[in-house]
């Protein structure tokens, strides 16, 4: 099973987190949000912009499998199993018009 150690911002409906491990089955991330096992979550994580300025983003729907408290107050580690994934490419914004 392949997993990638990636620290990317994870954007969730009501807040943010930081990914730690991403694999084909799921994502492990830290957050300060109140998340519970068996909770369904939706969010996205982004890849660095391409040389032409295009942005790649992965949108996901997942079910939380495990939640663990971390030593830092209020911080938790969450493992969520993907239910749905979609790769979204966003074109770079147009250059500003010259005056």
PDB file of N, CA and C in Angstrom:
ATOM      1  N   UNK A   1       0.842  -1.166   0.000  1.00  0.00           N
ATOM      2  CA  UNK A   1       0.000   0.000   0.000  1.00  0.00           C
ATOM      3  C   UNK A   1       0.897   1.242   0.000  1.00  0.00           C
ATOM      4  N   UNK A   2       0.630   2.165  -0.887  1.00  0.00           N
ATOM      5  CA  UNK A   2       1.431   3.377  -1.019  1.00  0.00           C
ATOM      6  C   UNK A   2       0.829   4.502  -0.195  1.00  0.00           C
ATOM      7  N   UNK A   3       1.674   5.177   0.555  1.00  0.00           N
ATOM      8  CA  UNK A   3       1.271   6.364   1.309  1.00  0.00           C
ATOM      9  C   UNK A   3       2.326   7.423   1.090  1.00  0.00           C
ATOM     10  N   UNK A   4       1.907   8.678   1.124  1.00  0.00           N
ATOM     11  CA  UNK A   4       2.827   9.778   0.901  1.00  0.00           C
ATOM     12  C   UNK A   4       2.817  10.691   2.118  1.00  0.00           C
ATOM     13  N   UNK A   5       4.002  10.989   2.631  1.00  0.00           N
ATOM     14  CA  UNK A   5       4.136  11.933   3.731  1.00  0.00           C
ATOM     15  C   UNK A   5       4.084  13.332   3.128  1.00  0.00           C
ATOM     16  N   UNK A   6       2.943  13.983   3.255  1.00  0.00           N
ATOM     17  CA  UNK A   6       2.744  15.303   2.659  1.00  0.00           C
ATOM     18  C   UNK A   6       2.145  16.244   3.680  1.00  0.00           C
ATOM     19  N   UNK A   7       2.737  17.403   3.814  1.00  0.00           N
ATOM     20  CA  UNK A   7       2.159  18.439   4.672  1.00  0.00           C
ATOM     21  C   UNK A   7       1.520  19.488   3.772  1.00  0.00           C
ATOM     22  N   UNK A   8       0.213  19.372   3.618  1.00  0.00           N
ATOM     23  CA  UNK A   8      -0.566  20.287   2.801  1.00  0.00           C
ATOM     24  C   UNK A   8      -1.716  20.822   3.634  1.00  0.00           C
ATOM     25  N   UNK A   9      -2.162  22.041   3.367  1.00  0.00           N
ATOM     26  CA  UNK A   9      -3.350  22.519   4.070  1.00  0.00           C
ATOM     27  C   UNK A   9      -4.562  21.680   3.658  1.00  0.00           C
ATOM     28  N   UNK A  10      -5.355  21.302   4.644  1.00  0.00           N
ATOM     29  CA  UNK A  10      -6.601  20.584   4.405  1.00  0.00           C
ATOM     30  C   UNK A  10      -7.722  21.554   4.748  1.00  0.00           C
ATOM     31  N   UNK A  11      -8.536  21.869   3.756  1.00  0.00           N
ATOM     32  CA  UNK A  11      -9.644  22.799   3.952  1.00  0.00           C
ATOM     33  C   UNK A  11     -10.898  21.976   4.186  1.00  0.00           C
ATOM     34  N   UNK A  12     -11.495  22.164   5.355  1.00  0.00           N
ATOM     35  CA  UNK A  12     -12.715  21.455   5.716  1.00  0.00           C
ATOM     36  C   UNK A  12     -13.860  22.458   5.770  1.00  0.00           C
ATOM     37  N   UNK A  13     -15.076  21.979   5.772  1.00  0.00           N
ATOM     38  CA  UNK A  13     -16.229  22.863   5.759  1.00  0.00           C
ATOM     39  C   UNK A  13     -16.211  23.930   6.830  1.00  0.00           C
ATOM     40  N   UNK A  14     -15.733  23.590   8.033  1.00  0.00           N
ATOM     41  CA  UNK A  14     -15.793  24.544   9.133  1.00  0.00           C
ATOM     42  C   UNK A  14     -14.422  24.928   9.681  1.00  0.00           C
ATOM     43  N   UNK A  15     -13.369  24.628   8.950  1.00  0.00           N
ATOM     44  CA  UNK A  15     -12.042  24.974   9.441  1.00  0.00           C
ATOM     45  C   UNK A  15     -10.945  24.378   8.585  1.00  0.00           C
ATOM     46  N   UNK A  16      -9.766  24.271   9.190  1.00  0.00           N
ATOM     47  CA  UNK A  16      -8.604  23.791   8.449  1.00  0.00           C
ATOM     48  C   UNK A  16      -7.837  22.756   9.255  1.00  0.00           C
ATOM     49  N   UNK A  17      -6.929  22.096   8.574  1.00  0.00           N
ATOM     50  CA  UNK A  17      -6.020  21.147   9.191  1.00  0.00           C
ATOM     51  C   UNK A  17      -4.758  21.085   8.348  1.00  0.00           C
ATOM     52  N   UNK A  18      -3.837  20.217   8.740  1.00  0.00           N
ATOM     53  CA  UNK A  18      -2.598  19.985   7.996  1.00  0.00           C
ATOM     54  C   UNK A  18      -2.476  18.481   7.778  1.00  0.00           C
ATOM     55  N   UNK A  19      -2.318  18.074   6.515  1.00  0.00           N
ATOM     56  CA  UNK A  19      -2.164  16.645   6.229  1.00  0.00           C
ATOM     57  C   UNK A  19      -0.814  16.162   6.740  1.00  0.00           C
ATOM     58  N   UNK A  20      -0.762  14.913   7.096  1.00  0.00           N
ATOM     59  CA  UNK A  20       0.486  14.264   7.505  1.00  0.00           C
ATOM     60  C   UNK A  20       0.811  13.122   6.545  1.00  0.00           C
ATOM     61  N   UNK A  21      -0.201  12.306   6.232  1.00  0.00           N
ATOM     62  CA  UNK A  21      -0.043  11.166   5.333  1.00  0.00           C
ATOM     63  C   UNK A  21      -1.277  11.109   4.437  1.00  0.00           C
ATOM     64  N   UNK A  22      -1.037  10.934   3.138  1.00  0.00           N
ATOM     65  CA  UNK A  22      -2.132  10.780   2.187  1.00  0.00           C
ATOM     66  C   UNK A  22      -1.873   9.512   1.393  1.00  0.00           C
ATOM     67  N   UNK A  23      -2.881   8.672   1.273  1.00  0.00           N
ATOM     68  CA  UNK A  23      -2.779   7.451   0.492  1.00  0.00           C
ATOM     69  C   UNK A  23      -4.040   7.254  -0.321  1.00  0.00           C
ATOM     70  N   UNK A  24      -4.082   6.219  -1.119  1.00  0.00           N
ATOM     71  CA  UNK A  24      -5.256   5.998  -1.963  1.00  0.00           C
ATOM     72  C   UNK A  24      -6.522   5.710  -1.162  1.00  0.00           C
ATOM     73  N   UNK A  25      -6.378   5.229   0.071  1.00  0.00           N
ATOM     74  CA  UNK A  25      -7.546   4.885   0.881  1.00  0.00           C
ATOM     75  C   UNK A  25      -8.003   6.010   1.794  1.00  0.00           C
ATOM     76  N   UNK A  26      -7.078   6.908   2.165  1.00  0.00           N
ATOM     77  CA  UNK A  26      -7.486   7.918   3.132  1.00  0.00           C
ATOM     78  C   UNK A  26      -6.420   8.945   3.418  1.00  0.00           C
ATOM     79  N   UNK A  27      -6.727   9.779   4.409  1.00  0.00           N
ATOM     80  CA  UNK A  27      -5.863  10.890   4.773  1.00  0.00           C
ATOM     81  C   UNK A  27      -5.729  10.959   6.295  1.00  0.00           C
ATOM     82  N   UNK A  28      -4.521  11.214   6.762  1.00  0.00           N
ATOM     83  CA  UNK A  28      -4.221  11.425   8.171  1.00  0.00           C
ATOM     84  C   UNK A  28      -3.858  12.896   8.305  1.00  0.00           C
ATOM     85  N   UNK A  29      -4.562  13.630   9.167  1.00  0.00           N
ATOM     86  CA  UNK A  29      -4.295  15.058   9.310  1.00  0.00           C
ATOM     87  C   UNK A  29      -4.515  15.505  10.741  1.00  0.00           C
ATOM     88  N   UNK A  30      -3.927  16.666  11.068  1.00  0.00           N
ATOM     89  CA  UNK A  30      -4.122  17.270  12.382  1.00  0.00           C
ATOM     90  C   UNK A  30      -5.053  18.468  12.222  1.00  0.00           C
ATOM     91  N   UNK A  31      -5.807  18.747  13.278  1.00  0.00           N
ATOM     92  CA  UNK A  31      -6.725  19.867  13.270  1.00  0.00           C
ATOM     93  C   UNK A  31      -7.115  20.215  14.696  1.00  0.00           C
ATOM     94  N   UNK A  32      -7.727  21.373  14.866  1.00  0.00           N
ATOM     95  CA  UNK A  32      -8.283  21.777  16.161  1.00  0.00           C
ATOM     96  C   UNK A  32      -9.811  21.657  16.147  1.00  0.00           C
ATOM     97  N   UNK A  33     -10.377  21.205  15.031  1.00  0.00           N
ATOM     98  CA  UNK A  33     -11.831  21.061  14.920  1.00  0.00           C
ATOM     99  C   UNK A  33     -12.335  19.915  15.790  1.00  0.00           C
ATOM    100  N   UNK A  34     -13.563  20.013  16.226  1.00  0.00           N
ATOM    101  CA  UNK A  34     -14.200  18.923  16.982  1.00  0.00           C
ATOM    102  C   UNK A  34     -14.727  17.904  15.973  1.00  0.00           C
ATOM    103  N   UNK A  35     -13.990  16.821  15.801  1.00  0.00           N
ATOM    104  CA  UNK A  35     -14.350  15.769  14.854  1.00  0.00           C
ATOM    105  C   UNK A  35     -14.471  14.463  15.626  1.00  0.00           C
ATOM    106  N   UNK A  36     -15.468  13.665  15.265  1.00  0.00           N
ATOM    107  CA  UNK A  36     -15.744  12.413  15.965  1.00  0.00           C
ATOM    108  C   UNK A  36     -15.621  11.218  15.012  1.00  0.00           C
ATOM    109  N   UNK A  37     -15.287  10.025  15.548  1.00  0.00           N
ATOM    110  CA  UNK A  37     -15.294   8.829  14.712  1.00  0.00           C
ATOM    111  C   UNK A  37     -16.666   8.625  14.075  1.00  0.00           C
ATOM    112  N   UNK A  38     -16.678   8.071  12.885  1.00  0.00           N
ATOM    113  CA  UNK A  38     -17.871   7.795  12.070  1.00  0.00           C
ATOM    114  C   UNK A  38     -18.493   9.047  11.470  1.00  0.00           C
ATOM    115  N   UNK A  39     -17.929  10.215  11.738  1.00  0.00           N
ATOM    116  CA  UNK A  39     -18.443  11.459  11.161  1.00  0.00           C
ATOM    117  C   UNK A  39     -18.077  11.507   9.674  1.00  0.00           C
ATOM    118  N   UNK A  40     -18.989  11.974   8.848  1.00  0.00           N
ATOM    119  CA  UNK A  40     -18.714  12.198   7.425  1.00  0.00           C
ATOM    120  C   UNK A  40     -18.188  13.618   7.272  1.00  0.00           C
ATOM    121  N   UNK A  41     -17.075  13.741   6.566  1.00  0.00           N
ATOM    122  CA  UNK A  41     -16.478  15.057   6.358  1.00  0.00           C
ATOM    123  C   UNK A  41     -16.220  15.267   4.868  1.00  0.00           C
ATOM    124  N   UNK A  42     -16.208  16.512   4.477  1.00  0.00           N
ATOM    125  CA  UNK A  42     -15.857  16.881   3.113  1.00  0.00           C
ATOM    126  C   UNK A  42     -14.815  17.965   3.165  1.00  0.00           C
ATOM    127  N   UNK A  43     -13.930  17.952   2.199  1.00  0.00           N
ATOM    128  CA  UNK A  43     -12.905  18.970   2.183  1.00  0.00           C
ATOM    129  C   UNK A  43     -12.066  18.896   0.932  1.00  0.00           C
ATOM    130  N   UNK A  44     -10.918  19.555   0.987  1.00  0.00           N
ATOM    131  CA  UNK A  44      -9.992  19.545  -0.142  1.00  0.00           C
ATOM    132  C   UNK A  44      -8.578  19.782   0.370  1.00  0.00           C
ATOM    133  N   UNK A  45      -7.632  19.364  -0.439  1.00  0.00           N
ATOM    134  CA  UNK A  45      -6.239  19.715  -0.190  1.00  0.00           C
ATOM    135  C   UNK A  45      -5.633  20.076  -1.535  1.00  0.00           C
ATOM    136  N   UNK A  46      -4.697  21.012  -1.505  1.00  0.00           N
ATOM    137  CA  UNK A  46      -4.162  21.533  -2.756  1.00  0.00           C
ATOM    138  C   UNK A  46      -2.719  21.182  -2.958  1.00  0.00           C
ATOM    139  N   UNK A  47      -2.370  21.093  -4.220  1.00  0.00           N
ATOM    140  CA  UNK A  47      -0.993  20.875  -4.609  1.00  0.00           C
ATOM    141  C   UNK A  47      -0.402  22.222  -4.994  1.00  0.00           C
ATOM    142  N   UNK A  48       0.900  22.316  -4.977  1.00  0.00           N
ATOM    143  CA  UNK A  48       1.565  23.576  -5.321  1.00  0.00           C
ATOM    144  C   UNK A  48       1.178  23.997  -6.733  1.00  0.00           C
ATOM    145  N   UNK A  49       1.073  25.294  -6.989  1.00  0.00           N
ATOM    146  CA  UNK A  49       0.736  25.751  -8.344  1.00  0.00           C
ATOM    147  C   UNK A  49       1.764  25.268  -9.365  1.00  0.00           C
ATOM    148  N   UNK A  50       1.285  24.947 -10.553  1.00  0.00           N
ATOM    149  CA  UNK A  50       2.156  24.543 -11.656  1.00  0.00           C
ATOM    150  C   UNK A  50       2.952  25.761 -12.133  1.00  0.00           C
ATOM    151  N   UNK A  51       3.935  25.547 -12.998  1.00  0.00           N
ATOM    152  CA  UNK A  51       4.777  26.632 -13.507  1.00  0.00           C
ATOM    153  C   UNK A  51       3.943  27.709 -14.201  1.00  0.00           C
ATOM    154  N   UNK A  52       2.830  27.297 -14.841  1.00  0.00           N
ATOM    155  CA  UNK A  52       1.991  28.271 -15.548  1.00  0.00           C
ATOM    156  C   UNK A  52       0.983  28.946 -14.626  1.00  0.00           C
ATOM    157  N   UNK A  53       1.013  28.630 -13.328  1.00  0.00           N
ATOM    158  CA  UNK A  53       0.115  29.251 -12.361  1.00  0.00           C
ATOM    159  C   UNK A  53      -1.168  28.471 -12.118  1.00  0.00           C
ATOM    160  N   UNK A  54      -1.389  27.383 -12.868  1.00  0.00           N
ATOM    161  CA  UNK A  54      -2.581  26.566 -12.641  1.00  0.00           C
ATOM    162  C   UNK A  54      -2.479  25.890 -11.278  1.00  0.00           C
ATOM    163  N   UNK A  55      -3.611  25.692 -10.650  1.00  0.00           N
ATOM    164  CA  UNK A  55      -3.652  25.092  -9.318  1.00  0.00           C
ATOM    165  C   UNK A  55      -4.382  23.754  -9.392  1.00  0.00           C
ATOM    166  N   UNK A  56      -3.782  22.725  -8.802  1.00  0.00           N
ATOM    167  CA  UNK A  56      -4.427  21.420  -8.707  1.00  0.00           C
ATOM    168  C   UNK A  56      -4.949  21.243  -7.296  1.00  0.00           C
ATOM    169  N   UNK A  57      -6.203  20.797  -7.188  1.00  0.00           N
ATOM    170  CA  UNK A  57      -6.837  20.596  -5.893  1.00  0.00           C
ATOM    171  C   UNK A  57      -7.529  19.244  -5.922  1.00  0.00           C
ATOM    172  N   UNK A  58      -7.504  18.554  -4.803  1.00  0.00           N
ATOM    173  CA  UNK A  58      -8.232  17.300  -4.661  1.00  0.00           C
ATOM    174  C   UNK A  58      -9.383  17.533  -3.688  1.00  0.00           C
ATOM    175  N   UNK A  59     -10.598  17.371  -4.182  1.00  0.00           N
ATOM    176  CA  UNK A  59     -11.791  17.447  -3.331  1.00  0.00           C
ATOM    177  C   UNK A  59     -12.107  16.041  -2.849  1.00  0.00           C
ATOM    178  N   UNK A  60     -12.554  15.907  -1.594  1.00  0.00           N
ATOM    179  CA  UNK A  60     -12.856  14.578  -1.077  1.00  0.00           C
ATOM    180  C   UNK A  60     -14.073  14.579  -0.174  1.00  0.00           C
ATOM    181  N   UNK A  61     -14.682  13.416  -0.090  1.00  0.00           N
ATOM    182  CA  UNK A  61     -15.687  13.074   0.909  1.00  0.00           C
ATOM    183  C   UNK A  61     -15.103  11.865   1.635  1.00  0.00           C
ATOM    184  N   UNK A  62     -15.211  11.835   2.952  1.00  0.00           N
ATOM    185  CA  UNK A  62     -14.580  10.767   3.721  1.00  0.00           C
ATOM    186  C   UNK A  62     -15.374  10.479   4.983  1.00  0.00           C
ATOM    187  N   UNK A  63     -15.078   9.319   5.572  1.00  0.00           N
ATOM    188  CA  UNK A  63     -15.662   8.937   6.861  1.00  0.00           C
ATOM    189  C   UNK A  63     -14.517   8.800   7.856  1.00  0.00           C
ATOM    190  N   UNK A  64     -14.652   9.467   8.994  1.00  0.00           N
ATOM    191  CA  UNK A  64     -13.617   9.446  10.026  1.00  0.00           C
ATOM    192  C   UNK A  64     -13.560   8.060  10.666  1.00  0.00           C
ATOM    193  N   UNK A  65     -12.370   7.465  10.661  1.00  0.00           N
ATOM    194  CA  UNK A  65     -12.152   6.141  11.232  1.00  0.00           C
ATOM    195  C   UNK A  65     -11.572   6.202  12.648  1.00  0.00           C
ATOM    196  N   UNK A  66     -10.701   7.206  12.861  1.00  0.00           N
ATOM    197  CA  UNK A  66     -10.009   7.281  14.158  1.00  0.00           C
ATOM    198  C   UNK A  66      -9.704   8.727  14.498  1.00  0.00           C
ATOM    199  N   UNK A  67      -9.814   9.067  15.772  1.00  0.00           N
ATOM    200  CA  UNK A  67      -9.464  10.392  16.287  1.00  0.00           C
ATOM    201  C   UNK A  67      -8.607  10.182  17.531  1.00  0.00           C
ATOM    202  N   UNK A  68      -7.456  10.865  17.577  1.00  0.00           N
ATOM    203  CA  UNK A  68      -6.534  10.747  18.708  1.00  0.00           C
ATOM    204  C   UNK A  68      -6.142  12.117  19.208  1.00  0.00           C
ATOM    205  N   UNK A  69      -6.186  12.326  20.501  1.00  0.00           N
ATOM    206  CA  UNK A  69      -5.713  13.584  21.082  1.00  0.00           C
ATOM    207  C   UNK A  69      -4.194  13.629  20.998  1.00  0.00           C
ATOM    208  N   UNK A  70      -3.649  14.806  20.733  1.00  0.00           N
ATOM    209  CA  UNK A  70      -2.204  15.004  20.680  1.00  0.00           C
ATOM    210  C   UNK A  70      -1.764  15.782  21.912  1.00  0.00           C
ATOM    211  N   UNK A  71      -0.459  15.795  22.214  1.00  0.00           N
ATOM    212  CA  UNK A  71       0.017  16.505  23.408  1.00  0.00           C
ATOM    213  C   UNK A  71      -0.293  18.008  23.401  1.00  0.00           C
ATOM    214  N   UNK A  72      -0.334  18.611  22.221  1.00  0.00           N
ATOM    215  CA  UNK A  72      -0.639  20.039  22.146  1.00  0.00           C
ATOM    216  C   UNK A  72      -2.107  20.248  22.501  1.00  0.00           C
ATOM    217  N   UNK A  73      -2.419  21.159  23.423  1.00  0.00           N
ATOM    218  CA  UNK A  73      -3.814  21.373  23.834  1.00  0.00           C
ATOM    219  C   UNK A  73      -4.727  21.697  22.647  1.00  0.00           C
ATOM    220  N   UNK A  74      -5.830  20.964  22.544  1.00  0.00           N
ATOM    221  CA  UNK A  74      -6.832  21.209  21.524  1.00  0.00           C
ATOM    222  C   UNK A  74      -6.545  20.605  20.164  1.00  0.00           C
ATOM    223  N   UNK A  75      -5.371  20.031  19.969  1.00  0.00           N
ATOM    224  CA  UNK A  75      -4.997  19.477  18.670  1.00  0.00           C
ATOM    225  C   UNK A  75      -5.288  17.977  18.640  1.00  0.00           C
ATOM    226  N   UNK A  76      -5.883  17.523  17.538  1.00  0.00           N
ATOM    227  CA  UNK A  76      -6.167  16.092  17.380  1.00  0.00           C
ATOM    228  C   UNK A  76      -5.608  15.590  16.056  1.00  0.00           C
ATOM    229  N   UNK A  77      -5.383  14.277  16.002  1.00  0.00           N
ATOM    230  CA  UNK A  77      -4.972  13.592  14.779  1.00  0.00           C
ATOM    231  C   UNK A  77      -6.187  12.817  14.299  1.00  0.00           C
ATOM    232  N   UNK A  78      -6.508  12.960  13.014  1.00  0.00           N
ATOM    233  CA  UNK A  78      -7.696  12.337  12.439  1.00  0.00           C
ATOM    234  C   UNK A  78      -7.284  11.461  11.268  1.00  0.00           C
ATOM    235  N   UNK A  79      -7.803  10.223  11.234  1.00  0.00           N
ATOM    236  CA  UNK A  79      -7.655   9.395  10.038  1.00  0.00           C
ATOM    237  C   UNK A  79      -9.043   9.227   9.447  1.00  0.00           C
ATOM    238  N   UNK A  80      -9.191   9.621   8.177  1.00  0.00           N
ATOM    239  CA  UNK A  80     -10.473   9.517   7.489  1.00  0.00           C
ATOM    240  C   UNK A  80     -10.290   8.703   6.217  1.00  0.00           C
ATOM    241  N   UNK A  81     -11.216   7.794   5.983  1.00  0.00           N
ATOM    242  CA  UNK A  81     -11.182   6.936   4.802  1.00  0.00           C
ATOM    243  C   UNK A  81     -11.986   7.595   3.680  1.00  0.00           C
ATOM    244  N   UNK A  82     -11.340   7.724   2.512  1.00  0.00           N
ATOM    245  CA  UNK A  82     -11.997   8.359   1.375  1.00  0.00           C
ATOM    246  C   UNK A  82     -13.208   7.559   0.913  1.00  0.00           C
ATOM    247  N   UNK A  83     -14.269   8.278   0.591  1.00  0.00           N
ATOM    248  CA  UNK A  83     -15.445   7.704  -0.041  1.00  0.00           C
ATOM    249  C   UNK A  83     -15.518   8.173  -1.496  1.00  0.00           C
ATOM    250  N   UNK A  84     -15.031   9.393  -1.726  1.00  0.00           N
ATOM    251  CA  UNK A  84     -15.076   9.984  -3.058  1.00  0.00           C
ATOM    252  C   UNK A  84     -13.917  10.959  -3.200  1.00  0.00           C
ATOM    253  N   UNK A  85     -13.275  10.950  -4.372  1.00  0.00           N
ATOM    254  CA  UNK A  85     -12.173  11.860  -4.676  1.00  0.00           C
ATOM    255  C   UNK A  85     -12.403  12.490  -6.047  1.00  0.00           C
ATOM    256  N   UNK A  86     -12.015  13.737  -6.201  1.00  0.00           N
ATOM    257  CA  UNK A  86     -12.089  14.407  -7.497  1.00  0.00           C
ATOM    258  C   UNK A  86     -10.905  15.353  -7.632  1.00  0.00           C
ATOM    259  N   UNK A  87     -10.163  15.224  -8.711  1.00  0.00           N
ATOM    260  CA  UNK A  87      -9.054  16.120  -9.005  1.00  0.00           C
ATOM    261  C   UNK A  87      -9.604  17.308  -9.788  1.00  0.00           C
ATOM    262  N   UNK A  88      -9.351  18.497  -9.282  1.00  0.00           N
ATOM    263  CA  UNK A  88      -9.875  19.720  -9.896  1.00  0.00           C
ATOM    264  C   UNK A  88      -8.689  20.592 -10.290  1.00  0.00           C
ATOM    265  N   UNK A  89      -8.621  20.957 -11.558  1.00  0.00           N
ATOM    266  CA  UNK A  89      -7.573  21.869 -12.037  1.00  0.00           C
ATOM    267  C   UNK A  89      -8.194  23.238 -12.249  1.00  0.00           C
ATOM    268  N   UNK A  90      -7.607  24.236 -11.658  1.00  0.00           N
ATOM    269  CA  UNK A  90      -8.083  25.608 -11.808  1.00  0.00           C
ATOM    270  C   UNK A  90      -7.074  26.372 -12.658  1.00  0.00           C
ATOM    271  N   UNK A  91      -7.577  27.047 -13.678  1.00  0.00           N
ATOM    272  CA  UNK A  91      -6.705  27.855 -14.535  1.00  0.00           C
ATOM    273  C   UNK A  91      -6.158  29.024 -13.735  1.00  0.00           C
ATOM    274  N   UNK A  92      -4.980  29.502 -14.129  1.00  0.00           N
ATOM    275  CA  UNK A  92      -4.446  30.674 -13.424  1.00  0.00           C
ATOM    276  C   UNK A  92      -5.320  31.887 -13.709  1.00  0.00           C
ATOM    277  N   UNK A  93      -5.331  32.854 -12.813  1.00  0.00           N
ATOM    278  CA  UNK A  93      -6.104  34.060 -13.072  1.00  0.00           C
ATOM    279  C   UNK A  93      -5.512  34.817 -14.254  1.00  0.00           C
ATOM    280  N   UNK A  94      -6.351  35.536 -15.011  1.00  0.00           N
ATOM    281  CA  UNK A  94      -5.817  36.299 -16.143  1.00  0.00           C
ATOM    282  C   UNK A  94      -4.907  37.416 -15.651  1.00  0.00           C
ATOM    283  N   UNK A  95      -3.932  37.790 -16.455  1.00  0.00           N
ATOM    284  CA  UNK A  95      -3.044  38.887 -16.027  1.00  0.00           C
ATOM    285  C   UNK A  95      -3.825  40.192 -15.958  1.00  0.00           C
ATOM    286  N   UNK A  96      -3.401  41.109 -15.098  1.00  0.00           N
ATOM    287  CA  UNK A  96      -4.108  42.389 -15.006  1.00  0.00           C
ATOM    288  C   UNK A  96      -3.966  43.167 -16.317  1.00  0.00           C
ATOM    289  N   UNK A  97      -4.977  43.927 -16.618  1.00  0.00           N
ATOM    290  CA  UNK A  97      -4.951  44.756 -17.826  1.00  0.00           C
ATOM    291  C   UNK A  97      -3.985  45.917 -17.632  1.00  0.00           C
ATOM    292  N   UNK A  98      -3.237  46.200 -18.679  1.00  0.00           N
ATOM    293  CA  UNK A  98      -2.285  47.324 -18.632  1.00  0.00           C
ATOM    294  C   UNK A  98      -3.063  48.632 -18.782  1.00  0.00           C
ATOM    295  N   UNK A  99      -2.634  49.657 -18.104  1.00  0.00           N
ATOM    296  CA  UNK A  99      -3.303  50.972 -18.196  1.00  0.00           C
ATOM    297  C   UNK A  99      -2.635  51.839 -19.202  1.00  0.00           C
TER     298      UNK A  99
END
